[in-house]
Amino acid sequence: MGVEQSQVLMVRQPIFDRQLKIIAYQLRYQYSELIEDSLFDHETEGALLVMHTFTSLFQDGQIRKVPVFLPFPSSMLEGGNPLLLPKRGFVIEINPAIEVNDSLIKHLKLLSQQGYRLALDSFAMQPHLLPLVKLVNIVKIDFSLMPRNRIIRLVRMLRKSNITALAQNVDDFETLKFCKKAGFKLFQGPFISRPVKVLGKTVPGNSAALLQLLQQLQRPDITPAEIEELIILDPKLTFKILKVVNSAAYQLSRPIDSMQQAVVLLGHDQIRKWATLITLTGNTDKPEELTRNLLVRGRMCELLAEATGSQVRDSAFMVGLISQLDLLLDVAMEEILTQTPLDNDIKQAISQHQGELGQLLHEIIAFEEANWPVIQQSKIDNQFFEVAYRHSLRWAEQAMEALNEVPG
């Protein structure tokens, strides 16, 4: 049975190198009786879905493929059956709770000889896992399980054995600095979605002006002519929007040369999105993953609101987008919401997860973090989350490609 029918929930989480470039994705999935059939056979719909959807990203100006760290159930590593998955597309991740025996060691050696890369998850010097360390390529060290002085010694030992150390559960950028100094090569955790606190910093003038513009664009009675008047006040923004509209993202049969034409053709919701994205993503000193997060969350909010017939679907994209604005501006969210003229419903949804939009945002964040119990309790059909997420990944990829075509 394929993934669509089994409704297996899957989400990818980035793994970074020292330059904060994504070198792989961690695949988190909801365990199911059907998981082995749907993910671990290269001819099934599930494995193809993973390869086509969860391994591609737009980075450094081009679409590229990266491998997926895939947690393997014990039964897949103890039976001795050959794997049919592509070696370059997957890193086999070993659960630390696995029973270590001669059969397992023999199978791991065989997989390594066949060219598969192996990673040991959540290693904290557990005695039963020590025989596996010399068999793997990557050891993931969980910061919640070991004191830092022991972590430093462990990383040194792994480096001497040419084993790559991956810092797991890195919560913030301060911890990231420690990890880099300790010698880790790879990093994983929520640090990329945690804002850096900068006391006393206010919202930059251009960003405050943008949010004022967006507030006007949300008026239900606004006309195409009024939208054009608002946007053309910023010639640079006008040029960039027209550039995007005429890019490959829309594949128009004829070029659009005026903002009013663009609004009539695409609708003011589309113009509002691009005005937001172009302005906010001009901050080039931030990792590209932040832009990707903004796009995926905003689009997912919008799709789920539409799928459920929500009365607030017109504001859903903005809630998803603005919910991570503090990451781009390095300004506390409380400060952003205080200084910007957003509707109270949007502010409460972002700051307190209140109301229909707030509940939707709360559940989408739970999905991003693979908090499956929260999703199971949602009033929204679980399959909607899976379909909306995959669609949002593809949409974000196309959007980033279009944005990349726009000169600074």
Protein backbone atom coordinates (compact mmCIF):
# COMPACT_ATOMS: atom_id res chain seq x y z
CA MET A 1 0.00 0.00 0.00
CA GLY A 2 1.29 3.47 -0.87
CA VAL A 3 1.82 6.41 1.43
CA GLU A 4 -1.35 8.19 0.26
CA GLN A 5 -3.52 5.26 1.33
CA SER A 6 -1.71 4.50 4.59
CA GLN A 7 -1.64 8.19 5.58
CA VAL A 8 1.87 7.92 6.99
CA LEU A 9 2.88 11.38 8.21
CA MET A 10 6.37 12.49 7.20
CA VAL A 11 8.35 15.69 7.71
CA ARG A 12 11.93 16.57 6.88
CA GLN A 13 14.30 18.48 9.16
CA PRO A 14 17.59 19.98 7.92
CA ILE A 15 21.11 18.84 8.74
CA PHE A 16 23.71 21.60 8.30
CA ASP A 17 27.44 21.82 7.73
CA ARG A 18 29.68 24.42 9.37
CA GLN A 19 28.64 27.06 6.81
CA LEU A 20 24.95 26.38 7.60
CA LYS A 21 24.41 24.86 4.18
CA ILE A 22 22.00 21.91 4.11
CA ILE A 23 23.88 18.71 3.32
CA ALA A 24 21.07 16.27 4.17
CA TYR A 25 17.59 16.00 5.64
CA GLN A 26 16.43 13.99 8.61
CA LEU A 27 13.18 12.22 7.80
CA ARG A 28 10.78 11.94 10.71
CA TYR A 29 7.78 9.72 10.18
CA GLN A 30 4.86 8.38 12.11
CA TYR A 31 5.46 4.70 12.82
CA SER A 32 2.93 2.39 11.25
CA GLU A 33 2.47 -1.30 10.49
CA LEU A 34 2.77 -0.32 6.84
CA ILE A 35 5.94 1.74 7.17
CA GLU A 36 8.30 -0.97 5.99
CA ASP A 37 6.29 -1.66 2.86
CA SER A 38 5.85 2.01 2.02
CA LEU A 39 9.36 3.35 2.65
CA PHE A 40 11.96 0.64 2.40
CA ASP A 41 11.29 -0.89 -1.01
CA HIS A 42 12.59 1.17 -3.93
CA GLU A 43 9.70 0.14 -6.18
CA THR A 44 6.90 1.31 -3.87
CA GLU A 45 5.14 4.64 -3.95
CA GLY A 46 6.53 5.58 -0.54
CA ALA A 47 10.20 5.27 -1.44
CA LEU A 48 9.66 7.13 -4.71
CA LEU A 49 7.83 9.86 -2.83
CA VAL A 50 10.73 10.29 -0.44
CA MET A 51 13.25 10.50 -3.29
CA HIS A 52 11.22 12.95 -5.36
CA THR A 53 9.84 15.20 -2.63
CA PHE A 54 12.02 15.11 0.47
CA THR A 55 15.51 15.12 -1.05
CA SER A 56 15.35 18.20 -3.29
CA LEU A 57 15.91 21.82 -2.32
CA PHE A 58 16.79 25.15 -3.85
CA GLN A 59 20.16 26.27 -2.49
CA ASP A 60 22.93 28.56 -3.75
CA GLY A 61 20.94 29.47 -6.83
CA GLN A 62 20.05 26.01 -8.07
CA ILE A 63 17.94 22.94 -7.45
CA ARG A 64 19.95 20.10 -5.94
CA LYS A 65 19.45 16.73 -4.33
CA VAL A 66 20.67 15.82 -0.86
CA PRO A 67 20.51 12.48 0.97
CA VAL A 68 17.95 11.61 3.63
CA PHE A 69 18.78 10.23 7.07
CA LEU A 70 16.19 7.48 7.39
CA PRO A 71 15.60 5.78 10.78
CA PHE A 72 15.48 2.04 10.16
CA PRO A 73 13.36 -0.29 12.30
CA SER A 74 15.26 -3.13 13.95
CA SER A 75 13.59 -5.71 11.74
CA MET A 76 15.17 -4.13 8.66
CA LEU A 77 18.67 -4.38 10.12
CA GLU A 78 18.54 -7.83 11.66
CA GLY A 79 17.13 -9.97 8.90
CA GLY A 80 20.13 -9.89 6.60
CA ASN A 81 17.98 -9.12 3.57
CA PRO A 82 19.67 -6.92 0.93
CA LEU A 83 18.47 -3.34 0.59
CA LEU A 84 17.29 -2.05 -2.76
CA LEU A 85 17.34 1.65 -1.92
CA PRO A 86 19.80 3.90 -3.82
CA LYS A 87 23.03 4.21 -1.83
CA ARG A 88 23.59 7.91 -2.52
CA GLY A 89 20.04 8.87 -1.58
CA PHE A 90 19.88 7.51 1.95
CA VAL A 91 21.85 7.37 5.18
CA ILE A 92 20.78 4.38 7.29
CA GLU A 93 20.13 5.56 10.83
CA ILE A 94 20.45 3.08 13.71
CA ASN A 95 18.19 3.46 16.73
CA PRO A 96 20.17 3.51 20.02
CA ALA A 97 17.63 1.14 21.61
CA ILE A 98 18.48 -1.61 19.12
CA GLU A 99 19.61 -4.99 20.42
CA VAL A 100 23.27 -5.42 19.48
CA ASN A 101 24.15 -9.00 18.55
CA ASP A 102 26.34 -10.88 16.10
CA SER A 103 23.62 -10.94 13.44
CA LEU A 104 23.23 -7.15 13.56
CA ILE A 105 26.98 -6.51 13.39
CA LYS A 106 27.31 -8.88 10.44
CA HIS A 107 24.48 -7.16 8.56
CA LEU A 108 25.87 -3.66 9.22
CA LYS A 109 29.28 -4.73 7.95
CA LEU A 110 27.62 -6.07 4.80
CA LEU A 111 25.70 -2.83 4.25
CA SER A 112 28.89 -0.83 4.69
CA GLN A 113 30.73 -3.04 2.19
CA GLN A 114 27.88 -2.49 -0.27
CA GLY A 115 28.43 1.28 -0.05
CA TYR A 116 25.66 2.34 2.29
CA ARG A 117 26.40 5.11 4.78
CA LEU A 118 25.52 4.37 8.41
CA ALA A 119 24.68 6.76 11.23
CA LEU A 120 24.29 5.94 14.93
CA ASP A 121 21.54 7.98 16.55
CA SER A 122 21.65 9.60 20.03
CA PHE A 123 25.00 8.22 21.13
CA ALA A 124 26.02 8.96 24.72
CA MET A 125 28.68 6.31 25.35
CA GLN A 126 26.08 3.61 26.03
CA PRO A 127 28.13 0.44 26.63
CA HIS A 128 26.00 -1.80 24.39
CA LEU A 129 26.50 0.61 21.43
CA LEU A 130 30.29 0.76 21.60
CA PRO A 131 30.77 -2.16 19.14
CA LEU A 132 28.75 -0.22 16.55
CA VAL A 133 30.78 2.97 16.64
CA LYS A 134 33.62 1.63 14.53
CA LEU A 135 31.12 0.37 11.92
CA VAL A 136 29.37 3.68 11.19
CA ASN A 137 30.27 6.80 9.24
CA ILE A 138 28.43 9.30 11.41
CA VAL A 139 27.77 9.44 15.14
CA LYS A 140 24.97 11.71 16.34
CA ILE A 141 25.65 13.10 19.81
CA ASP A 142 22.62 14.27 21.79
CA PHE A 143 23.29 17.34 23.95
CA SER A 144 20.50 16.43 26.32
CA LEU A 145 22.25 13.18 27.29
CA MET A 146 25.85 14.20 28.08
CA PRO A 147 27.72 17.01 29.87
CA ARG A 148 29.77 19.27 27.62
CA ASN A 149 33.18 18.26 28.92
CA ARG A 150 32.49 14.63 27.99
CA ILE A 151 31.12 15.71 24.61
CA ILE A 152 34.38 17.50 23.80
CA ARG A 153 36.42 14.39 24.62
CA LEU A 154 34.09 12.18 22.60
CA VAL A 155 34.31 14.39 19.52
CA ARG A 156 38.12 14.26 19.68
CA MET A 157 38.03 10.48 19.87
CA LEU A 158 35.70 10.23 16.88
CA ARG A 159 37.84 12.59 14.80
CA LYS A 160 40.91 10.43 15.42
CA SER A 161 38.93 7.48 14.03
CA ASN A 162 37.76 9.48 10.97
CA ILE A 163 34.15 9.29 12.13
CA THR A 164 32.02 12.37 11.50
CA ALA A 165 30.47 13.86 14.65
CA LEU A 166 26.97 15.32 14.28
CA ALA A 167 25.65 17.60 17.02
CA GLN A 168 22.06 16.65 17.73
CA ASN A 169 19.35 18.75 19.41
CA VAL A 170 21.26 22.04 19.06
CA ASP A 171 18.76 24.43 20.62
CA ASP A 172 20.19 27.86 19.86
CA PHE A 173 23.02 29.72 18.17
CA GLU A 174 25.05 29.92 21.38
CA THR A 175 25.07 26.12 21.52
CA LEU A 176 25.96 26.08 17.83
CA LYS A 177 29.05 28.19 18.56
CA PHE A 178 30.13 25.71 21.22
CA CYS A 179 29.59 22.81 18.80
CA LYS A 180 31.75 24.41 16.13
CA LYS A 181 34.51 25.08 18.64
CA ALA A 182 34.29 21.50 19.91
CA GLY A 183 34.98 20.17 16.41
CA PHE A 184 31.58 19.00 15.18
CA LYS A 185 31.19 18.96 11.40
CA LEU A 186 27.41 18.56 11.16
CA PHE A 187 24.54 20.12 13.12
CA GLN A 188 20.89 19.35 13.66
CA GLY A 189 18.24 20.89 15.87
CA PRO A 190 15.79 23.74 16.35
CA PHE A 191 18.47 26.48 16.50
CA ILE A 192 17.59 27.61 12.98
CA SER A 193 14.04 28.44 14.11
CA ARG A 194 14.97 30.11 17.40
CA PRO A 195 15.43 33.91 17.31
CA VAL A 196 18.58 35.53 18.62
CA LYS A 197 17.63 37.96 21.37
CA VAL A 198 18.85 41.50 20.68
CA LEU A 199 17.73 43.85 23.44
CA GLY A 200 16.49 47.28 22.42
CA LYS A 201 16.42 46.64 18.68
CA THR A 202 13.38 48.02 16.88
CA VAL A 203 11.74 47.09 13.62
CA PRO A 204 13.71 48.55 10.68
CA GLY A 205 11.90 51.35 8.87
CA ASN A 206 11.59 49.50 5.58
CA SER A 207 10.05 46.46 7.27
CA ALA A 208 7.58 48.57 9.24
CA ALA A 209 6.58 50.31 6.01
CA LEU A 210 6.09 46.95 4.33
CA LEU A 211 3.78 45.73 7.08
CA GLN A 212 1.77 48.94 6.81
CA LEU A 213 1.46 48.26 3.08
CA LEU A 214 0.31 44.71 3.74
CA GLN A 215 -2.29 45.97 6.17
CA GLN A 216 -3.75 48.11 3.38
CA LEU A 217 -3.58 45.24 0.89
CA GLN A 218 -5.73 43.12 3.20
CA ARG A 219 -8.70 45.46 2.87
CA PRO A 220 -11.52 43.40 1.30
CA ASP A 221 -12.76 46.37 -0.75
CA ILE A 222 -9.39 47.33 -2.26
CA THR A 223 -9.33 47.74 -6.06
CA PRO A 224 -6.56 46.84 -8.56
CA ALA A 225 -5.94 50.54 -9.15
CA GLU A 226 -5.45 51.18 -5.41
CA ILE A 227 -3.06 48.25 -5.15
CA GLU A 228 -1.02 49.64 -8.01
CA GLU A 229 -0.91 53.07 -6.37
CA LEU A 230 0.39 51.56 -3.14
CA ILE A 231 3.13 49.44 -4.70
CA ILE A 232 4.45 51.93 -7.25
CA LEU A 233 5.41 54.21 -4.35
CA ASP A 234 8.44 51.88 -4.13
CA PRO A 235 9.93 51.67 -7.67
CA LYS A 236 12.38 48.93 -6.65
CA LEU A 237 9.58 46.77 -5.27
CA THR A 238 7.52 47.38 -8.41
CA PHE A 239 10.37 46.28 -10.65
CA LYS A 240 11.01 43.12 -8.65
CA ILE A 241 7.36 42.08 -8.59
CA LEU A 242 7.09 42.49 -12.37
CA LYS A 243 10.32 40.51 -12.75
CA VAL A 244 8.88 37.62 -10.71
CA VAL A 245 5.53 37.72 -12.51
CA ASN A 246 7.35 37.40 -15.84
CA SER A 247 9.61 34.60 -14.57
CA ALA A 248 9.30 30.87 -15.16
CA ALA A 249 7.13 30.58 -12.05
CA TYR A 250 4.07 31.70 -14.03
CA GLN A 251 4.96 30.78 -17.64
CA LEU A 252 2.85 33.57 -19.11
CA SER A 253 2.17 33.68 -22.84
CA ARG A 254 2.94 37.40 -23.00
CA PRO A 255 4.99 39.73 -20.81
CA ILE A 256 3.34 41.89 -18.16
CA ASP A 257 4.63 45.45 -18.06
CA SER A 258 2.38 47.21 -15.55
CA MET A 259 1.39 46.55 -11.96
CA GLN A 260 -2.29 46.91 -12.77
CA GLN A 261 -2.00 44.17 -15.42
CA ALA A 262 -0.26 41.94 -12.87
CA VAL A 263 -2.97 42.51 -10.26
CA VAL A 264 -5.80 41.85 -12.72
CA LEU A 265 -4.13 38.69 -14.04
CA LEU A 266 -2.93 37.15 -10.77
CA GLY A 267 -5.19 38.71 -8.16
CA HIS A 268 -4.20 40.89 -5.25
CA ASP A 269 -3.53 37.89 -2.97
CA GLN A 270 -0.68 36.75 -5.23
CA ILE A 271 0.72 40.27 -5.49
CA ARG A 272 0.52 40.64 -1.72
CA LYS A 273 2.51 37.43 -1.25
CA TRP A 274 5.28 38.46 -3.61
CA ALA A 275 5.49 41.97 -2.16
CA THR A 276 6.01 40.38 1.24
CA LEU A 277 8.51 37.76 0.17
CA ILE A 278 10.65 40.02 -1.99
CA THR A 279 11.01 42.61 0.75
CA LEU A 280 11.60 40.24 3.64
CA THR A 281 14.00 37.90 1.85
CA GLY A 282 16.30 40.74 0.85
CA ASN A 283 18.19 40.09 4.10
CA THR A 284 21.05 38.13 2.54
CA ASP A 285 23.06 37.52 5.72
CA LYS A 286 20.56 34.89 6.89
CA PRO A 287 20.70 31.19 6.04
CA GLU A 288 18.52 30.20 3.09
CA GLU A 289 16.68 27.75 5.31
CA LEU A 290 14.97 30.67 7.04
CA THR A 291 13.44 31.81 3.77
CA ARG A 292 12.39 28.23 3.02
CA ASN A 293 10.75 27.93 6.46
CA LEU A 294 8.81 31.15 5.91
CA LEU A 295 7.55 29.99 2.55
CA VAL A 296 6.61 26.46 3.58
CA ARG A 297 4.84 27.53 6.77
CA GLY A 298 2.96 30.37 5.08
CA ARG A 299 1.81 28.21 2.18
CA MET A 300 0.87 25.31 4.47
CA CYS A 301 -1.25 27.62 6.64
CA GLU A 302 -2.99 28.85 3.53
CA LEU A 303 -3.64 25.40 2.06
CA LEU A 304 -5.01 23.91 5.28
CA ALA A 305 -7.26 26.92 5.81
CA GLU A 306 -8.60 26.52 2.27
CA ALA A 307 -9.04 22.74 2.62
CA THR A 308 -11.13 23.15 5.77
CA GLY A 309 -13.24 25.99 4.37
CA SER A 310 -12.01 28.36 7.06
CA GLN A 311 -13.52 31.82 7.20
CA VAL A 312 -10.07 33.29 7.92
CA ARG A 313 -8.20 31.67 5.04
CA ASP A 314 -7.36 35.06 3.50
CA SER A 315 -5.15 35.84 6.52
CA ALA A 316 -3.62 32.37 6.91
CA PHE A 317 -0.61 32.92 4.65
CA MET A 318 0.30 36.13 6.47
CA VAL A 319 0.05 34.45 9.87
CA GLY A 320 2.41 31.68 8.80
CA LEU A 321 4.85 34.11 7.27
CA ILE A 322 4.91 36.69 10.05
CA SER A 323 5.14 33.99 12.74
CA GLN A 324 8.86 33.71 11.91
CA LEU A 325 9.57 37.33 11.04
CA ASP A 326 11.54 37.75 14.26
CA LEU A 327 14.11 35.29 12.88
CA LEU A 328 14.80 37.49 9.86
CA LEU A 329 14.85 40.81 11.70
CA ASP A 330 16.53 39.70 14.96
CA VAL A 331 13.83 41.61 16.81
CA ALA A 332 11.61 40.17 19.55
CA MET A 333 8.20 39.16 18.24
CA GLU A 334 6.54 41.24 20.96
CA GLU A 335 8.34 44.30 19.58
CA ILE A 336 7.33 43.50 16.00
CA LEU A 337 3.66 43.08 16.91
CA THR A 338 3.68 46.25 18.99
CA GLN A 339 5.16 48.38 16.22
CA THR A 340 3.21 47.05 13.25
CA PRO A 341 -0.45 47.73 12.37
CA LEU A 342 -1.74 44.16 12.09
CA ASP A 343 -5.23 42.99 12.92
CA ASN A 344 -5.67 41.85 16.51
CA ASP A 345 -6.73 38.38 15.34
CA ILE A 346 -3.42 37.98 13.51
CA LYS A 347 -1.43 39.29 16.47
CA GLN A 348 -3.15 36.93 18.92
CA ALA A 349 -2.74 33.99 16.56
CA ILE A 350 1.01 34.59 16.32
CA SER A 351 1.80 35.56 19.91
CA GLN A 352 -0.58 33.31 21.85
CA HIS A 353 -1.86 30.77 19.27
CA GLN A 354 -5.39 31.97 19.99
CA GLY A 355 -8.40 31.73 17.72
CA GLU A 356 -8.87 29.63 14.61
CA LEU A 357 -5.67 30.90 13.00
CA GLY A 358 -3.72 30.42 16.21
CA GLN A 359 -4.83 26.80 16.51
CA LEU A 360 -3.89 26.19 12.89
CA LEU A 361 -0.44 27.72 13.45
CA HIS A 362 0.03 25.64 16.60
CA GLU A 363 -0.72 22.41 14.74
CA ILE A 364 1.53 23.28 11.80
CA ILE A 365 4.43 23.96 14.17
CA ALA A 366 3.70 20.59 15.81
CA PHE A 367 3.88 18.97 12.36
CA GLU A 368 7.23 20.65 11.66
CA GLU A 369 8.55 19.23 14.93
CA ALA A 370 7.12 15.74 14.22
CA ASN A 371 4.87 16.02 17.28
CA TRP A 372 2.45 13.42 15.95
CA PRO A 373 0.17 13.18 19.04
CA VAL A 374 -0.87 16.82 18.53
CA ILE A 375 -1.66 16.13 14.88
CA GLN A 376 -3.67 13.02 15.79
CA GLN A 377 -5.88 15.16 18.04
CA SER A 378 -6.46 17.79 15.34
CA LYS A 379 -9.92 18.29 13.89
CA ILE A 380 -8.25 18.44 10.46
CA ASP A 381 -7.91 15.14 8.60
CA ASN A 382 -4.32 13.93 9.00
CA GLN A 383 -4.02 13.31 5.28
CA PHE A 384 -4.58 17.03 4.66
CA PHE A 385 -1.41 17.77 6.65
CA GLU A 386 0.64 15.34 4.59
CA VAL A 387 -0.62 16.58 1.22
CA ALA A 388 -0.40 20.26 2.19
CA TYR A 389 3.16 19.82 3.46
CA ARG A 390 4.41 18.14 0.30
CA HIS A 391 2.70 20.73 -1.88
CA SER A 392 4.23 23.51 0.22
CA LEU A 393 7.72 22.06 -0.20
CA ARG A 394 7.35 22.11 -3.99
CA TRP A 395 5.81 25.58 -3.98
CA ALA A 396 8.61 26.97 -1.79
CA GLU A 397 11.20 25.50 -4.14
CA GLN A 398 9.57 27.19 -7.14
CA ALA A 399 9.18 30.45 -5.24
CA MET A 400 12.84 30.54 -4.17
CA GLU A 401 13.88 29.84 -7.73
CA ALA A 402 11.74 32.75 -8.95
CA LEU A 403 13.08 35.04 -6.21
CA ASN A 404 16.63 34.11 -7.19
CA GLU A 405 15.97 35.43 -10.70
CA VAL A 406 15.22 38.86 -9.28
CA PRO A 407 18.30 41.15 -9.11
CA GLY A 408 19.07 42.87 -5.84
